[in-house]
Amino acid sequence: MNPSILLFFAVPLASVILMKKIGVNTMIAFALAGVIAGPAGLSLVNNYVIWEYLGDLGLAFLWFSLGLELGVRKIWSLRKNVFGIGALAVTLTLLLILPLLVFFEFPGWTLMGAAIVALILTISSSGSDLEILANKNELQTRLGRKAFSILIFQNILTIPILAMMPIFGGREFEIGAEIIDIGILTIMLILGMFLGARLLMNPFMKFISRLKSREAFLLTIALTVSCLSAAFALTGLPIGIGAFLAGILFAETLYNHQVKADIAPYQMMFIGLFFLTLGMGLDIPGILRNYEIVLTGAIGLILLKFIAIYTAARFYKASGRHAAITGLLLAQGGEFGLLILQTIKTYGIDAVPLGHQDIIKGIILLSMIITPILISILYSLNSRGTLYSKKLAEKMNSSLHIRPTVVIAGFGRVGKTIAKMLTDRKIEYVAIDMDIDEVEMGRRAGFNVVYGDTTRGDILSGFGLAPRTTRAVVVALDNAYAQKKTIRAVRRIAKNVKIFARAKNLAESKILAGEGAKLALPETIESSFLLATEVMRVISVGQPEIDKVLNDLRKNNYETMESIES
C-alpha cells in the first residue's frame, strides 16, 4: 500500500481531533485536512480529477440533506417564530451586509453577485449551530427554539437563491419582472415538490416499503436524486438544484424519517468528501496574500450578524443572555454559502470573480472556526457570573427567605422538580443558580430562587445555609467540578447537614459520595431501575420482590453495578 494513502487518512483524523479539542465543527476539520493533503500542502493526491468527481457526489448529497431538513410541514408548525423572529433577523442582517457590499464596488461584481453573496453570508451553519445547542442541552429551551426558527427561515432562503442563480448569473439586476420571476419560480418549486410528494412519491414509496427491502428503499432514494439532478443538468442548471428539490420531495412524504435514518450512515462520508475537495481546491496562496481582507471580513461578518440577530431576539422579548448567545451562535457563515460558491465555480456562473470566491470561502470558514470559540468563552463567563453586575444580583436576590430548611444548589431540570415538590408541601427552601434567565423565570413562576455561586461559602451562608436550621442540601448542578466544590463549601459551613446530589453515572456518584454526599444518585442507573420496575410489574412480579431486587442493587453505593458500568 502506498504510504501516502495512510497519511491521507491520518491527516483528517488528526484534524478532527484538533478541531474537536477546541470545540470547532467537524466540517472545518475536513476542509483543513483537504488543505494539508492537497496541492497547497503535502500533495498527497495525485489524481485530482477523481477527487473532484467524489466532491461532486458530496456536493449533491449535501444539497439533498439540506432539502430533506426543509419540509413544508415543519415550517408550518413553527410558522409564528419562523416568520417572526426568523424573518426579522434575516432582514436586519441583509440590511447591514448588502449596502456595504454595494458601497465598496468590488471589481467584476454584478449587483446580482453582491445580492447572492449577501444572501449566502446571511445563512448560518445549521450543522455547527445544532451541535452546539445539543452539547449545551439548549435544543428544547426558549433559546434553542428561537435559534432553530431563525435557522429554518435562513434555510427557506436557499430556494430563491437557487432560483436566481441560473437566471441572473452574470447579468445586471433589474428590479421588476425579474423579482416576480424569482418569486413565481420559488412558489412553483415548493408547490411542485409538495404535490409531487403527495401524488407520486407517497404511493410509489408505499409500494417499495411493502417489499421490505432496505436495498430497494436506498436505491429508490438514489434514483430519485439522480433523475432530478440529471433533469436539471440537461437544462444547463446546476445538479445541486435537482438534489435539493429531491430532498424537499422526500421531506414531504410519509417516509421522511426512514429516509433520514437510512442515509445517516453515509452522511458524514459524503460531507467529508465535499469539505476535503473544497479544502484541496482553495487558492491558499491567494487567501494568504489577502489575509487582512479575510480576517477583517470574518470579524466584520460576525459583528454585523451578531448585531442584527441580537436586535431581533430582543425585539421578540428574549433576555439579554439569550439574545447574546443566539446572536453569537448564528453569527458565523455556513456550509450553504460554501455550497453556493462551489456550485457557481463548477458551473461557471459569472456572478462573482473566481479569485474573490476563494476569499469569501476563507471568510466563511474562518467565521465558522472563531464563533464556537467565542460561544465557549461566553458560556464560561456566564457560568462564573462575570457578565452580570453585583447590583443586578442584589436586585434578583431581594426578599428571600433567610432560614431555609432545604438549600437547592442548581435550578435546572432536577432543581425545579425538587423546588416544586417542596413548594407544594410548604417546606421552606432556597434555590441558588448562576443562570440569570432561569432565576428570572423561576421568580416569575413563584419559586424562591436566587442568583449566586454555590461553590462559595460566603454566598451559601448569606442565603441561609446554617448548621442548626438547614436540614438538607440538594446539589442539582450538572457540572461535576462545581458539584465537588459546592459539597466542600457546604461541609465547611454545616459539617453534619445531609447532602443529596445528582450524578450522571456510577463513577461520578462515588466521587461525590467520597466528598461527603449522603446520597449521590446516578441518573443512568436509576432511570434503568425505573424502567425495570415497570417491566417487572407488567409481568406480574410482586412489589416486595421488586423492592428486594432494587435494595440489593443499591446496596453499598451500587457495589453490584460496578462490573456492568465498567
Protein backbone atom coordinates (compact mmCIF):
# COMPACT_ATOMS: atom_id res chain seq x y z
CA MET A 1 0.00 0.00 0.00
CA ASN A 2 1.22 3.46 -0.87
CA PRO A 3 2.29 5.24 2.36
CA SER A 4 0.60 8.42 1.11
CA ILE A 5 -2.79 6.66 1.45
CA LEU A 6 -2.10 6.04 5.14
CA LEU A 7 -1.07 9.66 5.50
CA PHE A 8 -4.20 10.75 3.69
CA PHE A 9 -6.41 9.10 6.33
CA ALA A 10 -4.15 10.13 9.22
CA VAL A 11 -4.36 13.84 8.30
CA PRO A 12 -8.20 14.06 8.55
CA LEU A 13 -8.13 12.09 11.83
CA ALA A 14 -5.55 14.42 13.36
CA SER A 15 -7.50 17.41 12.07
CA VAL A 16 -10.80 16.14 13.55
CA ILE A 17 -9.14 15.53 16.95
CA LEU A 18 -7.60 19.02 16.94
CA MET A 19 -10.85 20.77 15.94
CA LYS A 20 -12.90 18.83 18.49
CA LYS A 21 -10.45 19.80 21.23
CA ILE A 22 -11.07 23.48 20.58
CA GLY A 23 -14.81 22.95 20.04
CA VAL A 24 -14.92 23.57 16.27
CA ASN A 25 -17.25 21.67 13.94
CA THR A 26 -16.00 18.54 12.17
CA MET A 27 -16.71 20.06 8.74
CA ILE A 28 -13.91 22.57 9.29
CA ALA A 29 -11.62 19.68 10.23
CA PHE A 30 -12.21 18.02 6.86
CA ALA A 31 -11.62 21.30 5.00
CA LEU A 32 -8.35 21.77 6.91
CA ALA A 33 -7.36 18.20 6.09
CA GLY A 34 -8.05 18.93 2.40
CA VAL A 35 -5.76 21.97 2.53
CA ILE A 36 -2.96 19.91 4.14
CA ALA A 37 -3.38 16.93 1.80
CA GLY A 38 -3.94 18.99 -1.36
CA PRO A 39 -1.64 20.81 -3.78
CA ALA A 40 -1.06 23.69 -1.34
CA GLY A 41 0.11 21.26 1.35
CA LEU A 42 1.69 17.79 1.21
CA SER A 43 0.33 16.97 -2.30
CA LEU A 44 -0.86 13.52 -1.21
CA VAL A 45 -3.43 13.45 -4.01
CA ASN A 46 -2.12 12.54 -7.47
CA ASN A 47 -5.35 12.26 -9.47
CA TYR A 48 -7.31 15.36 -8.52
CA VAL A 49 -9.93 14.68 -11.23
CA ILE A 50 -11.16 11.62 -9.31
CA TRP A 51 -11.43 13.66 -6.13
CA GLU A 52 -13.33 16.38 -7.96
CA TYR A 53 -15.81 13.72 -9.06
CA LEU A 54 -16.13 12.44 -5.48
CA GLY A 55 -16.50 16.04 -4.32
CA ASP A 56 -19.39 16.49 -6.78
CA LEU A 57 -21.06 13.45 -5.20
CA GLY A 58 -20.61 15.04 -1.79
CA LEU A 59 -21.96 18.32 -3.19
CA ALA A 60 -25.14 16.64 -4.45
CA PHE A 61 -25.57 14.73 -1.19
CA LEU A 62 -25.22 17.90 0.87
CA TRP A 63 -27.89 19.61 -1.25
CA PHE A 64 -30.14 16.58 -0.75
CA SER A 65 -29.56 16.65 3.03
CA LEU A 66 -30.40 20.36 3.20
CA GLY A 67 -33.62 19.79 1.25
CA LEU A 68 -34.56 16.87 3.47
CA GLU A 69 -34.42 19.13 6.53
CA LEU A 70 -36.71 21.73 4.91
CA GLY A 71 -40.21 20.27 4.93
CA VAL A 72 -43.31 22.41 4.40
CA ARG A 73 -44.98 20.83 7.44
CA LYS A 74 -42.01 21.64 9.67
CA ILE A 75 -42.08 25.26 8.52
CA TRP A 76 -45.84 25.47 9.10
CA SER A 77 -45.61 24.03 12.62
CA LEU A 78 -43.10 26.74 13.59
CA ARG A 79 -44.60 29.48 11.40
CA LYS A 80 -45.02 32.10 14.17
CA ASN A 81 -41.36 32.02 15.17
CA VAL A 82 -40.04 31.28 11.67
CA PHE A 83 -41.85 34.20 10.02
CA GLY A 84 -41.47 36.36 13.10
CA ILE A 85 -38.02 36.38 14.68
CA GLY A 86 -36.55 34.41 11.76
CA ALA A 87 -37.71 36.85 9.10
CA LEU A 88 -36.72 39.88 11.18
CA ALA A 89 -33.22 38.51 11.91
CA VAL A 90 -32.56 37.77 8.23
CA THR A 91 -33.96 41.13 7.07
CA LEU A 92 -31.80 43.09 9.54
CA THR A 93 -28.73 41.07 8.54
CA LEU A 94 -29.31 41.79 4.85
CA LEU A 95 -29.84 45.50 5.58
CA LEU A 96 -26.41 45.60 7.24
CA ILE A 97 -24.43 43.45 4.78
CA LEU A 98 -25.80 44.27 1.30
CA PRO A 99 -25.26 48.08 1.42
CA LEU A 100 -21.61 47.50 2.44
CA LEU A 101 -21.00 45.12 -0.48
CA VAL A 102 -22.58 47.59 -2.91
CA PHE A 103 -20.71 50.56 -1.38
CA PHE A 104 -17.25 49.02 -1.84
CA GLU A 105 -17.93 48.32 -5.55
CA PHE A 106 -15.67 45.27 -5.83
CA PRO A 107 -14.27 44.99 -9.38
CA GLY A 108 -16.01 42.40 -11.54
CA TRP A 109 -19.08 42.08 -9.31
CA THR A 110 -22.57 42.48 -10.69
CA LEU A 111 -25.32 43.82 -8.47
CA MET A 112 -26.86 40.35 -8.55
CA GLY A 113 -23.49 38.93 -7.50
CA ALA A 114 -23.47 41.24 -4.47
CA ALA A 115 -27.06 40.19 -3.67
CA ILE A 116 -26.17 36.48 -3.85
CA VAL A 117 -23.10 36.97 -1.62
CA ALA A 118 -25.15 38.99 0.91
CA LEU A 119 -27.78 36.26 1.00
CA ILE A 120 -25.32 33.39 1.43
CA LEU A 121 -23.48 35.27 4.21
CA THR A 122 -26.85 35.70 5.94
CA ILE A 123 -27.25 31.94 6.26
CA SER A 124 -25.53 30.30 9.25
CA SER A 125 -24.16 26.80 9.72
CA SER A 126 -27.10 24.58 10.71
CA GLY A 127 -24.90 21.58 11.49
CA SER A 128 -22.50 23.51 13.71
CA ASP A 129 -25.23 25.51 15.50
CA LEU A 130 -27.43 22.50 16.23
CA GLU A 131 -24.42 20.57 17.52
CA ILE A 132 -23.52 23.40 19.91
CA LEU A 133 -27.13 23.66 21.13
CA ALA A 134 -27.27 19.89 21.68
CA ASN A 135 -23.96 19.89 23.59
CA LYS A 136 -25.23 22.71 25.82
CA ASN A 137 -28.64 21.00 26.35
CA GLU A 138 -30.35 24.05 24.83
CA LEU A 139 -32.27 22.46 21.92
CA GLN A 140 -35.61 22.31 23.77
CA THR A 141 -35.24 25.61 25.60
CA ARG A 142 -36.61 29.02 24.55
CA LEU A 143 -33.14 29.90 23.32
CA GLY A 144 -32.98 26.72 21.24
CA ARG A 145 -36.43 27.26 19.70
CA LYS A 146 -35.62 30.86 18.72
CA ALA A 147 -32.26 29.88 17.21
CA PHE A 148 -33.86 26.95 15.36
CA SER A 149 -36.62 29.20 13.97
CA ILE A 150 -34.02 31.63 12.59
CA LEU A 151 -32.13 28.70 11.02
CA ILE A 152 -35.36 27.46 9.40
CA PHE A 153 -36.05 30.88 7.83
CA GLN A 154 -32.45 31.09 6.66
CA ASN A 155 -32.87 27.68 5.01
CA ILE A 156 -36.06 28.88 3.28
CA LEU A 157 -33.87 31.47 1.54
CA THR A 158 -31.99 28.67 -0.20
CA ILE A 159 -34.88 28.20 -2.66
CA PRO A 160 -34.99 31.77 -4.08
CA ILE A 161 -31.18 31.87 -4.12
CA LEU A 162 -31.10 28.71 -6.20
CA ALA A 163 -33.85 30.13 -8.41
CA MET A 164 -31.99 33.39 -9.07
CA MET A 165 -28.54 31.92 -9.73
CA PRO A 166 -29.06 30.39 -13.17
CA ILE A 167 -31.45 33.16 -14.25
CA PHE A 168 -29.39 36.22 -13.32
CA GLY A 169 -25.79 34.98 -13.03
CA GLY A 170 -23.54 37.46 -14.77
CA ARG A 171 -26.30 39.97 -15.54
CA GLU A 172 -27.14 43.31 -14.05
CA PHE A 173 -30.07 43.19 -11.69
CA GLU A 174 -33.19 45.00 -12.81
CA ILE A 175 -35.98 45.48 -10.31
CA GLY A 176 -39.33 44.45 -11.71
CA ALA A 177 -40.11 41.43 -13.82
CA GLU A 178 -37.01 39.51 -12.66
CA ILE A 179 -38.08 39.65 -9.00
CA ILE A 180 -41.54 38.45 -10.00
CA ASP A 181 -39.91 35.61 -11.99
CA ILE A 182 -37.88 34.54 -8.93
CA GLY A 183 -40.97 34.67 -6.69
CA ILE A 184 -43.10 32.68 -9.13
CA LEU A 185 -40.35 30.08 -9.71
CA THR A 186 -39.81 29.72 -5.95
CA ILE A 187 -43.51 29.14 -5.29
CA MET A 188 -43.76 26.73 -8.22
CA LEU A 189 -40.78 24.71 -6.97
CA ILE A 190 -42.22 24.42 -3.43
CA LEU A 191 -45.75 23.57 -4.60
CA GLY A 192 -44.39 21.18 -7.23
CA MET A 193 -42.43 19.23 -4.65
CA PHE A 194 -45.34 19.25 -2.20
CA LEU A 195 -47.81 17.93 -4.78
CA GLY A 196 -45.25 15.54 -6.23
CA ALA A 197 -44.71 14.02 -2.80
CA ARG A 198 -48.45 13.59 -2.22
CA LEU A 199 -49.46 12.36 -5.70
CA LEU A 200 -46.40 10.40 -6.85
CA MET A 201 -43.80 9.66 -4.17
CA ASN A 202 -46.12 8.53 -1.35
CA PRO A 203 -47.83 5.83 -3.49
CA PHE A 204 -44.52 4.71 -5.02
CA MET A 205 -42.73 4.59 -1.64
CA LYS A 206 -45.67 2.64 -0.23
CA PHE A 207 -45.13 0.03 -2.96
CA ILE A 208 -41.36 -0.07 -2.24
CA SER A 209 -41.88 -0.36 1.52
CA ARG A 210 -44.10 -3.41 1.06
CA LEU A 211 -41.11 -5.21 -0.47
CA LYS A 212 -39.42 -4.94 2.96
CA SER A 213 -36.08 -4.45 1.22
CA ARG A 214 -33.71 -1.84 2.57
CA GLU A 215 -31.67 -2.10 -0.63
CA ALA A 216 -34.73 -1.24 -2.76
CA PHE A 217 -35.51 1.67 -0.43
CA LEU A 218 -31.98 3.11 -0.74
CA LEU A 219 -31.90 2.58 -4.50
CA THR A 220 -35.20 4.46 -4.82
CA ILE A 221 -33.68 7.41 -2.97
CA ALA A 222 -30.55 7.31 -5.15
CA LEU A 223 -32.59 7.01 -8.36
CA THR A 224 -34.85 9.94 -7.44
CA VAL A 225 -31.88 12.17 -6.62
CA SER A 226 -30.13 11.12 -9.85
CA CYS A 227 -33.22 11.68 -12.03
CA LEU A 228 -33.96 15.16 -10.70
CA SER A 229 -30.27 16.13 -10.84
CA ALA A 230 -29.98 14.84 -14.44
CA ALA A 231 -33.17 16.66 -15.45
CA PHE A 232 -31.77 19.99 -14.24
CA ALA A 233 -28.37 19.23 -15.76
CA LEU A 234 -29.99 18.71 -19.20
CA THR A 235 -31.42 22.24 -18.98
CA GLY A 236 -27.96 23.61 -18.15
CA LEU A 237 -28.78 24.23 -14.49
CA PRO A 238 -26.66 23.04 -11.53
CA ILE A 239 -27.34 19.45 -10.39
CA GLY A 240 -27.46 20.80 -6.83
CA ILE A 241 -30.91 22.26 -7.53
CA GLY A 242 -32.21 18.82 -8.51
CA ALA A 243 -30.64 17.14 -5.47
CA PHE A 244 -32.01 19.87 -3.18
CA LEU A 245 -35.53 19.52 -4.58
CA ALA A 246 -35.27 15.72 -4.22
CA GLY A 247 -34.62 16.32 -0.52
CA ILE A 248 -37.72 18.54 -0.22
CA LEU A 249 -39.69 15.90 -2.14
CA PHE A 250 -38.80 13.17 0.38
CA ALA A 251 -39.33 15.56 3.31
CA GLU A 252 -42.99 15.82 2.31
CA THR A 253 -43.58 12.05 2.18
CA LEU A 254 -44.72 9.79 5.00
CA TYR A 255 -41.30 8.12 4.85
CA ASN A 256 -39.09 11.14 5.58
CA HIS A 257 -37.90 9.83 8.97
CA GLN A 258 -36.98 6.45 7.47
CA VAL A 259 -35.10 8.20 4.65
CA LYS A 260 -33.10 10.21 7.21
CA ALA A 261 -32.32 7.06 9.20
CA ASP A 262 -31.19 5.13 6.12
CA ILE A 263 -28.88 7.82 4.75
CA ALA A 264 -27.42 8.70 8.18
CA PRO A 265 -24.56 6.13 7.97
CA TYR A 266 -23.36 7.68 4.69
CA GLN A 267 -23.95 11.29 5.60
CA MET A 268 -20.61 12.07 7.22
CA MET A 269 -18.71 10.25 4.46
CA PHE A 270 -20.20 12.45 1.72
CA ILE A 271 -19.95 15.62 3.80
CA GLY A 272 -16.31 14.75 4.47
CA LEU A 273 -15.69 14.23 0.75
CA PHE A 274 -17.16 17.62 -0.11
CA PHE A 275 -15.15 19.52 2.50
CA LEU A 276 -11.96 17.59 1.67
CA THR A 277 -12.21 18.54 -2.00
CA LEU A 278 -13.21 22.09 -1.03
CA GLY A 279 -10.03 22.37 1.04
CA MET A 280 -7.93 20.89 -1.79
CA GLY A 281 -9.32 23.38 -4.29
CA LEU A 282 -8.82 26.51 -2.18
CA ASP A 283 -6.34 29.03 -3.51
CA ILE A 284 -4.31 29.15 -0.30
CA PRO A 285 -1.58 31.46 -1.67
CA GLY A 286 -4.30 33.89 -2.83
CA ILE A 287 -6.04 33.76 0.56
CA LEU A 288 -2.74 34.32 2.39
CA ARG A 289 -1.94 37.29 0.14
CA ASN A 290 -5.28 38.77 1.17
CA TYR A 291 -5.22 37.64 4.80
CA GLU A 292 -6.12 41.15 6.04
CA ILE A 293 -9.32 41.06 3.97
CA VAL A 294 -10.18 37.52 5.13
CA LEU A 295 -9.57 38.33 8.80
CA THR A 296 -11.39 41.68 8.64
CA GLY A 297 -14.22 40.09 6.67
CA ALA A 298 -14.68 37.25 9.18
CA ILE A 299 -14.68 39.62 12.18
CA GLY A 300 -16.99 42.05 10.35
CA LEU A 301 -19.38 39.25 9.38
CA ILE A 302 -19.58 38.00 12.97
CA LEU A 303 -20.10 41.52 14.31
CA LEU A 304 -22.80 42.53 11.80
CA LYS A 305 -24.75 39.28 12.15
CA PHE A 306 -24.48 39.44 15.95
CA ILE A 307 -25.92 42.98 15.99
CA ALA A 308 -28.79 42.02 13.66
CA ILE A 309 -29.76 38.78 15.40
CA TYR A 310 -29.31 40.22 18.92
CA THR A 311 -31.62 43.11 17.96
CA ALA A 312 -34.24 40.72 16.52
CA ALA A 313 -34.12 38.49 19.61
CA ARG A 314 -34.51 41.43 21.97
CA PHE A 315 -37.44 42.73 19.87
CA TYR A 316 -39.13 39.36 20.44
CA LYS A 317 -38.68 39.66 24.24
CA ALA A 318 -35.60 37.43 24.62
CA SER A 319 -33.49 38.14 27.71
CA GLY A 320 -30.08 39.78 27.31
CA ARG A 321 -28.27 36.47 27.84
CA HIS A 322 -30.44 34.52 25.40
CA ALA A 323 -30.19 37.26 22.79
CA ALA A 324 -26.40 37.41 23.14
CA ILE A 325 -26.00 33.63 22.83
CA THR A 326 -28.42 33.44 19.90
CA GLY A 327 -26.66 36.32 18.15
CA LEU A 328 -23.20 34.85 18.62
CA LEU A 329 -24.31 31.31 17.81
CA LEU A 330 -25.71 32.36 14.42
CA ALA A 331 -23.04 34.97 13.64
CA GLN A 332 -20.92 32.61 11.55
CA GLY A 333 -21.24 31.82 7.87
CA GLY A 334 -22.36 28.33 6.89
CA GLU A 335 -21.94 25.33 4.68
CA PHE A 336 -24.72 26.60 2.42
CA GLY A 337 -22.58 29.58 1.41
CA LEU A 338 -19.73 27.22 0.59
CA LEU A 339 -22.12 25.04 -1.43
CA ILE A 340 -23.38 28.01 -3.46
CA LEU A 341 -19.86 29.28 -4.15
CA GLN A 342 -18.73 25.81 -5.17
CA THR A 343 -21.78 25.47 -7.45
CA ILE A 344 -21.04 28.89 -9.01
CA LYS A 345 -17.44 27.80 -9.58
CA THR A 346 -18.34 24.37 -11.01
CA TYR A 347 -20.91 25.71 -13.46
CA GLY A 348 -19.04 28.87 -14.43
CA ILE A 349 -21.82 31.24 -13.34
CA ASP A 350 -20.30 34.69 -13.81
CA ALA A 351 -21.69 36.46 -10.73
CA VAL A 352 -18.52 36.83 -8.61
CA PRO A 353 -14.92 36.72 -9.92
CA LEU A 354 -13.15 33.41 -9.26
CA GLY A 355 -10.40 34.91 -7.09
CA HIS A 356 -12.95 36.66 -4.91
CA GLN A 357 -14.88 33.40 -4.42
CA ASP A 358 -11.92 31.85 -2.59
CA ILE A 359 -11.61 34.92 -0.36
CA ILE A 360 -15.32 34.66 0.54
CA LYS A 361 -14.85 30.94 1.28
CA GLY A 362 -11.94 31.85 3.55
CA ILE A 363 -14.11 34.40 5.38
CA ILE A 364 -16.89 31.84 5.91
CA LEU A 365 -14.51 29.09 7.08
CA LEU A 366 -12.70 31.45 9.48
CA SER A 367 -16.02 32.65 10.94
CA MET A 368 -17.01 29.01 11.49
CA ILE A 369 -13.77 28.49 13.45
CA ILE A 370 -13.99 31.69 15.54
CA THR A 371 -17.67 31.55 16.55
CA PRO A 372 -17.68 28.25 18.55
CA ILE A 373 -14.64 29.50 20.49
CA LEU A 374 -16.45 32.77 21.31
CA ILE A 375 -19.54 30.76 22.34
CA SER A 376 -17.45 28.70 24.77
CA ILE A 377 -16.00 31.89 26.26
CA LEU A 378 -19.50 33.39 26.60
CA TYR A 379 -20.84 30.30 28.39
CA SER A 380 -17.78 30.25 30.66
CA LEU A 381 -18.22 33.91 31.62
CA ASN A 382 -21.93 33.33 32.20
CA SER A 383 -21.30 30.32 34.46
CA ARG A 384 -18.91 32.41 36.58
CA GLY A 385 -21.36 35.29 36.83
CA THR A 386 -18.86 37.66 35.21
CA LEU A 387 -21.45 39.03 32.78
CA TYR A 388 -23.80 40.29 35.48
CA SER A 389 -23.22 43.13 37.91
CA LYS A 390 -23.46 43.00 41.68
CA LYS A 391 -26.37 45.45 41.52
CA LEU A 392 -28.35 43.08 39.28
CA ALA A 393 -27.60 40.14 41.59
CA GLU A 394 -28.79 42.14 44.61
CA LYS A 395 -31.99 43.02 42.76
CA MET A 396 -32.67 39.37 41.94
CA ASN A 397 -31.87 38.26 45.50
CA SER A 398 -34.16 40.70 47.28
CA SER A 399 -37.00 39.50 49.57
CA LEU A 400 -35.77 35.93 50.02
CA HIS A 401 -36.18 33.51 52.91
CA ILE A 402 -33.03 33.58 55.04
CA ARG A 403 -33.75 30.48 57.18
CA PRO A 404 -34.40 27.70 54.67
CA THR A 405 -34.93 24.11 55.75
CA VAL A 406 -33.56 22.94 52.40
CA VAL A 407 -30.96 24.56 50.14
CA ILE A 408 -31.02 23.60 46.45
CA ALA A 409 -27.80 24.23 44.52
CA GLY A 410 -28.78 24.49 40.87
CA PHE A 411 -32.16 25.36 39.36
CA GLY A 412 -32.15 23.28 36.18
CA ARG A 413 -34.46 20.37 35.38
CA VAL A 414 -33.74 18.49 38.63
CA GLY A 415 -33.66 21.59 40.85
CA LYS A 416 -37.01 22.83 39.52
CA THR A 417 -38.69 19.47 40.17
CA ILE A 418 -37.47 19.36 43.76
CA ALA A 419 -38.42 23.01 44.33
CA LYS A 420 -41.94 22.29 43.00
CA MET A 421 -42.37 19.38 45.41
CA LEU A 422 -41.13 21.44 48.38
CA THR A 423 -43.36 24.39 47.38
CA ASP A 424 -46.45 22.15 47.21
CA ARG A 425 -45.72 20.89 50.73
CA LYS A 426 -44.95 24.39 52.08
CA ILE A 427 -41.41 23.43 53.10
CA GLU A 428 -39.05 26.41 53.42
CA TYR A 429 -36.25 26.29 50.84
CA VAL A 430 -33.99 28.48 48.76
CA ALA A 431 -32.68 27.52 45.30
CA ILE A 432 -29.45 29.10 44.04
CA ASP A 433 -28.35 29.27 40.40
CA MET A 434 -25.85 31.15 38.20
CA ASP A 435 -28.17 31.38 35.18
CA ILE A 436 -29.85 34.78 35.49
CA ASP A 437 -32.58 33.83 32.99
CA GLU A 438 -33.54 30.72 34.95
CA VAL A 439 -33.62 32.85 38.12
CA GLU A 440 -35.89 35.44 36.50
CA MET A 441 -38.28 32.83 35.11
CA GLY A 442 -38.30 30.94 38.41
CA ARG A 443 -39.11 34.09 40.38
CA ARG A 444 -41.95 34.93 37.99
CA ALA A 445 -43.31 31.40 38.47
CA GLY A 446 -43.32 31.87 42.25
CA PHE A 447 -40.22 29.87 43.20
CA ASN A 448 -37.84 31.08 45.91
CA VAL A 449 -34.78 31.11 43.64
CA VAL A 450 -31.82 33.49 43.84
CA TYR A 451 -28.73 34.34 41.79
CA GLY A 452 -25.40 33.20 43.20
CA ASP A 453 -22.34 30.94 43.04
CA THR A 454 -22.92 27.83 45.17
CA THR A 455 -19.20 26.96 45.22
CA ARG A 456 -18.57 29.95 47.54
CA GLY A 457 -19.18 29.54 51.25
CA ASP A 458 -19.97 33.21 51.85
CA ILE A 459 -22.75 33.05 49.23
CA LEU A 460 -24.25 29.92 50.80
CA SER A 461 -24.13 31.46 54.30
CA GLY A 462 -25.66 34.68 53.02
CA PHE A 463 -28.60 32.75 51.58
CA GLY A 464 -29.33 30.98 54.84
CA LEU A 465 -27.23 27.81 54.99
CA ALA A 466 -26.63 27.24 58.70
CA PRO A 467 -25.69 24.19 60.86
CA ARG A 468 -28.83 24.18 63.02
CA THR A 469 -31.60 25.47 60.75
CA THR A 470 -30.73 23.77 57.44
CA ARG A 471 -31.65 20.08 57.43
CA ALA A 472 -30.71 19.15 53.87
CA VAL A 473 -28.78 20.41 50.84
CA VAL A 474 -29.57 19.19 47.34
CA VAL A 475 -26.71 19.54 44.83
CA ALA A 476 -28.56 19.55 41.49
CA LEU A 477 -25.79 21.04 39.32
CA ASP A 478 -24.82 19.43 36.03
CA ASN A 479 -21.08 20.11 36.30
CA ALA A 480 -19.03 17.57 38.27
CA TYR A 481 -16.31 20.07 39.22
CA ALA A 482 -18.88 22.60 40.51
CA GLN A 483 -20.65 19.80 42.39
CA LYS A 484 -17.46 18.85 44.27
CA LYS A 485 -16.66 22.47 45.14
CA THR A 486 -20.24 23.04 46.34
CA ILE A 487 -20.19 19.95 48.58
CA ARG A 488 -16.88 21.07 50.10
CA ALA A 489 -18.24 24.58 50.71
CA VAL A 490 -21.37 23.13 52.38
CA ARG A 491 -19.28 20.83 54.61
CA ARG A 492 -17.14 23.75 55.79
CA ILE A 493 -20.25 25.66 56.95
CA ALA A 494 -22.52 22.87 58.18
CA LYS A 495 -20.49 19.72 58.71
CA ASN A 496 -23.39 17.46 59.71
CA VAL A 497 -26.05 18.61 57.25
CA LYS A 498 -27.35 15.88 54.95
CA ILE A 499 -26.18 16.40 51.33
CA PHE A 500 -28.05 14.80 48.41
CA ALA A 501 -26.54 15.01 44.94
CA ARG A 502 -27.36 14.04 41.37
CA ALA A 503 -24.70 12.20 39.40
CA LYS A 504 -24.53 11.34 35.73
CA ASN A 505 -23.08 7.87 36.27
CA LEU A 506 -21.76 5.50 38.92
CA ALA A 507 -18.17 6.78 38.78
CA GLU A 508 -19.35 10.35 39.42
CA SER A 509 -21.65 9.08 42.18
CA LYS A 510 -18.73 7.52 44.03
CA ILE A 511 -16.64 10.69 43.74
CA LEU A 512 -19.46 12.81 45.21
CA ALA A 513 -20.06 10.27 47.97
CA GLY A 514 -16.36 10.49 48.78
CA GLU A 515 -16.67 14.27 49.10
CA GLY A 516 -19.36 13.85 51.74
CA ALA A 517 -22.71 13.43 49.98
CA LYS A 518 -25.07 11.17 51.96
CA LEU A 519 -26.66 10.03 48.71
CA ALA A 520 -25.48 10.60 45.14
CA LEU A 521 -27.97 9.09 42.71
CA PRO A 522 -26.50 8.10 39.34
CA GLU A 523 -29.12 9.13 36.76
CA THR A 524 -28.22 6.48 34.20
CA ILE A 525 -28.64 3.64 36.70
CA GLU A 526 -31.74 4.99 38.46
CA SER A 527 -33.56 5.56 35.16
CA SER A 528 -32.75 1.95 34.25
CA PHE A 529 -34.15 0.81 37.62
CA LEU A 530 -37.37 2.73 36.94
CA LEU A 531 -37.79 1.03 33.57
CA ALA A 532 -37.00 -2.38 35.05
CA THR A 533 -39.57 -1.81 37.81
CA GLU A 534 -42.33 -1.14 35.29
CA VAL A 535 -41.32 -4.19 33.25
CA MET A 536 -41.47 -6.44 36.34
CA ARG A 537 -44.88 -5.06 37.28
CA VAL A 538 -46.23 -5.81 33.80
CA ILE A 539 -45.03 -9.42 34.02
CA SER A 540 -46.73 -9.73 37.47
CA VAL A 541 -43.69 -9.67 39.76
CA GLY A 542 -44.85 -8.70 43.28
CA GLN A 543 -43.87 -5.34 44.82
CA PRO A 544 -42.00 -6.95 47.79
CA GLU A 545 -39.81 -8.90 45.36
CA ILE A 546 -39.22 -5.78 43.23
CA ASP A 547 -38.19 -3.83 46.36
CA LYS A 548 -35.78 -6.61 47.37
CA VAL A 549 -34.14 -6.62 43.93
CA LEU A 550 -33.72 -2.84 43.93
CA ASN A 551 -32.41 -2.75 47.51
CA ASP A 552 -29.83 -5.42 46.67
CA LEU A 553 -28.69 -3.46 43.61
CA ARG A 554 -28.44 -0.19 45.57
CA LYS A 555 -26.57 -1.82 48.48
CA ASN A 556 -23.17 -0.34 49.38
CA ASN A 557 -23.50 2.50 46.86
CA TYR A 558 -24.41 0.26 43.90
CA GLU A 559 -21.48 -2.09 44.50
CA THR A 560 -23.04 -4.88 42.41
CA MET A 561 -23.49 -2.49 39.45
CA GLU A 562 -19.78 -1.66 39.12
CA SER A 563 -18.97 -4.53 36.78
CA ILE A 564 -21.84 -3.55 34.46
CA GLU A 565 -20.83 0.13 34.20
CA SER A 566 -17.17 -0.65 33.74
